Amino acid sequence: MHLQCACALAGALMLGATGMANACQPGDARLAGHYYLNGVMEVCSELLLNKDGSFEFALAYGANDQYGKGCWVRKGSTVEVIPAGRSSASRHHTPDDRGFSGLVLTVSGTSLVWNINGSGHEGRFEK
């Protein structure tokens, strides 16, 4: 899955060049890194969490592409990925949505679990 995702989203993530550093608070350094989504059929997604608290997100699902950047914050056992211009992340975001409204992910070891729209269907962002 990683190679397919890397090919499909090649160039989508700027790998650290988000320009959000001044607006974000430093994130939990243990969670910083480049993640790839696994476990969701026909969906390719990458998430880059930077140590400075900024992020970049890209998702491809059929003809629907999503992209976002902003700030991320750890809140206990969750990570909120909050797009620029929003004060909170959506708990109901899905691959079908047009645009990116943010994610609330659950920390599980070294992975971040996405319970898609509270449906019980989960994907795992893994480094």
Protein backbone atom coordinates (compact mmCIF):
# COMPACT_ATOMS: atom_id res chain seq x y z
CA MET A 1 0.00 0.00 0.00
CA HIS A 2 2.81 2.41 0.77
CA LEU A 3 4.21 2.32 -2.77
CA GLN A 4 0.78 2.75 -4.36
CA CYS A 5 0.03 5.66 -2.08
CA ALA A 6 3.40 7.28 -2.66
CA CYS A 7 2.87 7.04 -6.42
CA ALA A 8 -0.69 8.32 -6.33
CA LEU A 9 0.12 11.26 -4.09
CA ALA A 10 3.64 11.98 -5.34
CA GLY A 11 4.40 15.62 -4.77
CA ALA A 12 1.24 16.25 -2.80
CA LEU A 13 3.03 16.72 0.50
CA MET A 14 5.73 19.35 0.66
CA LEU A 15 7.54 17.50 3.49
CA GLY A 16 7.87 20.25 6.01
CA ALA A 17 7.31 23.34 3.90
CA THR A 18 3.90 24.16 5.36
CA GLY A 19 4.41 27.80 6.28
CA MET A 20 2.28 27.21 9.37
CA ALA A 21 5.10 27.10 11.94
CA ASN A 22 4.40 30.55 13.41
CA ALA A 23 0.72 29.78 14.01
CA CYS A 24 1.14 26.33 15.63
CA GLN A 25 2.34 25.21 19.04
CA PRO A 26 5.04 22.50 19.01
CA GLY A 27 3.53 19.00 18.89
CA ASP A 28 4.37 15.82 20.77
CA ALA A 29 7.73 14.95 19.17
CA ARG A 30 7.06 11.21 19.63
CA LEU A 31 4.13 11.46 17.21
CA ALA A 32 5.84 13.60 14.59
CA GLY A 33 6.50 11.81 11.31
CA HIS A 34 5.17 10.73 7.93
CA TYR A 35 2.15 8.39 8.10
CA TYR A 36 0.37 6.30 5.45
CA LEU A 37 -3.23 5.09 5.75
CA ASN A 38 -3.83 1.34 5.81
CA GLY A 39 -7.03 -0.67 6.11
CA VAL A 40 -9.42 1.43 4.01
CA MET A 41 -10.22 -0.09 0.62
CA GLU A 42 -9.54 2.09 -2.43
CA VAL A 43 -8.37 5.04 -0.30
CA CYS A 44 -4.83 6.37 -0.42
CA SER A 45 -3.86 8.91 2.21
CA GLU A 46 -0.75 10.43 3.75
CA LEU A 47 -0.37 12.54 6.85
CA LEU A 48 2.75 14.48 7.79
CA LEU A 49 2.92 15.65 11.41
CA ASN A 50 5.78 18.09 11.94
CA LYS A 51 7.48 18.67 15.31
CA ASP A 52 6.55 22.36 15.13
CA GLY A 53 2.85 21.40 15.37
CA SER A 54 2.04 21.91 11.69
CA PHE A 55 0.70 19.19 9.39
CA GLU A 56 -0.04 18.34 5.78
CA PHE A 57 -2.71 15.87 4.68
CA ALA A 58 -3.52 14.34 1.30
CA LEU A 59 -6.16 11.78 0.36
CA ALA A 60 -7.22 10.22 -2.94
CA TYR A 61 -10.45 8.24 -3.30
CA GLY A 62 -11.52 7.64 -6.88
CA ALA A 63 -11.90 11.06 -8.50
CA ASN A 64 -12.09 12.78 -5.10
CA ASP A 65 -8.83 14.35 -3.89
CA GLN A 66 -8.46 16.13 -0.57
CA TYR A 67 -5.61 18.27 0.72
CA GLY A 68 -5.18 20.24 3.91
CA LYS A 69 -2.62 21.87 6.13
CA GLY A 70 -2.80 23.57 9.49
CA CYS A 71 -1.96 22.61 13.08
CA TRP A 72 -2.20 19.38 15.05
CA VAL A 73 -2.44 18.90 18.78
CA ARG A 74 -2.42 15.90 21.10
CA LYS A 75 -5.27 15.83 23.59
CA GLY A 76 -4.82 12.84 25.88
CA SER A 77 -5.28 9.72 23.75
CA THR A 78 -6.33 11.62 20.63
CA VAL A 79 -4.68 13.80 18.01
CA GLU A 80 -6.71 16.61 16.45
CA VAL A 81 -5.66 17.55 12.92
CA ILE A 82 -7.11 21.05 12.49
CA PRO A 83 -7.11 22.68 9.05
CA ALA A 84 -6.03 26.31 8.72
CA GLY A 85 -9.00 28.62 9.21
CA ARG A 86 -10.87 26.25 11.57
CA SER A 87 -10.90 26.21 15.37
CA SER A 88 -11.47 22.45 15.68
CA ALA A 89 -11.29 19.24 13.67
CA SER A 90 -14.36 17.45 12.35
CA ARG A 91 -15.22 14.15 14.00
CA HIS A 92 -17.33 13.26 10.95
CA HIS A 93 -14.88 13.63 8.07
CA THR A 94 -14.97 10.84 5.45
CA PRO A 95 -13.10 10.04 2.22
CA ASP A 96 -16.30 10.98 0.34
CA ASP A 97 -16.30 14.58 1.62
CA ARG A 98 -15.38 17.41 -0.71
CA GLY A 99 -12.61 19.42 0.92
CA PHE A 100 -10.84 18.64 4.18
CA SER A 101 -12.47 19.47 7.52
CA GLY A 102 -9.93 17.82 9.81
CA LEU A 103 -9.54 14.55 11.67
CA VAL A 104 -9.72 13.28 15.22
CA LEU A 105 -7.42 10.27 15.51
CA THR A 106 -6.83 7.89 18.43
CA VAL A 107 -3.24 7.13 19.42
CA SER A 108 -2.64 3.36 19.38
CA GLY A 109 1.02 2.50 19.92
CA THR A 110 2.89 4.06 17.00
CA SER A 111 -0.26 4.29 14.86
CA LEU A 112 -3.07 6.82 14.65
CA VAL A 113 -6.52 5.24 14.26
CA TRP A 114 -9.22 6.96 12.20
CA ASN A 115 -12.75 5.83 13.17
CA ILE A 116 -14.39 7.09 9.98
CA ASN A 117 -17.45 9.21 10.83
CA GLY A 118 -17.99 7.21 14.02
CA SER A 119 -19.04 4.24 11.85
CA GLY A 120 -16.76 1.73 13.54
CA HIS A 121 -14.91 1.32 10.21
CA GLU A 122 -11.30 2.12 11.01
CA GLY A 123 -8.17 2.96 9.13
CA ARG A 124 -4.70 3.20 10.64
CA PHE A 125 -2.18 5.87 9.83
CA GLU A 126 1.18 4.12 10.25
CA LYS A 127 4.74 5.41 9.95
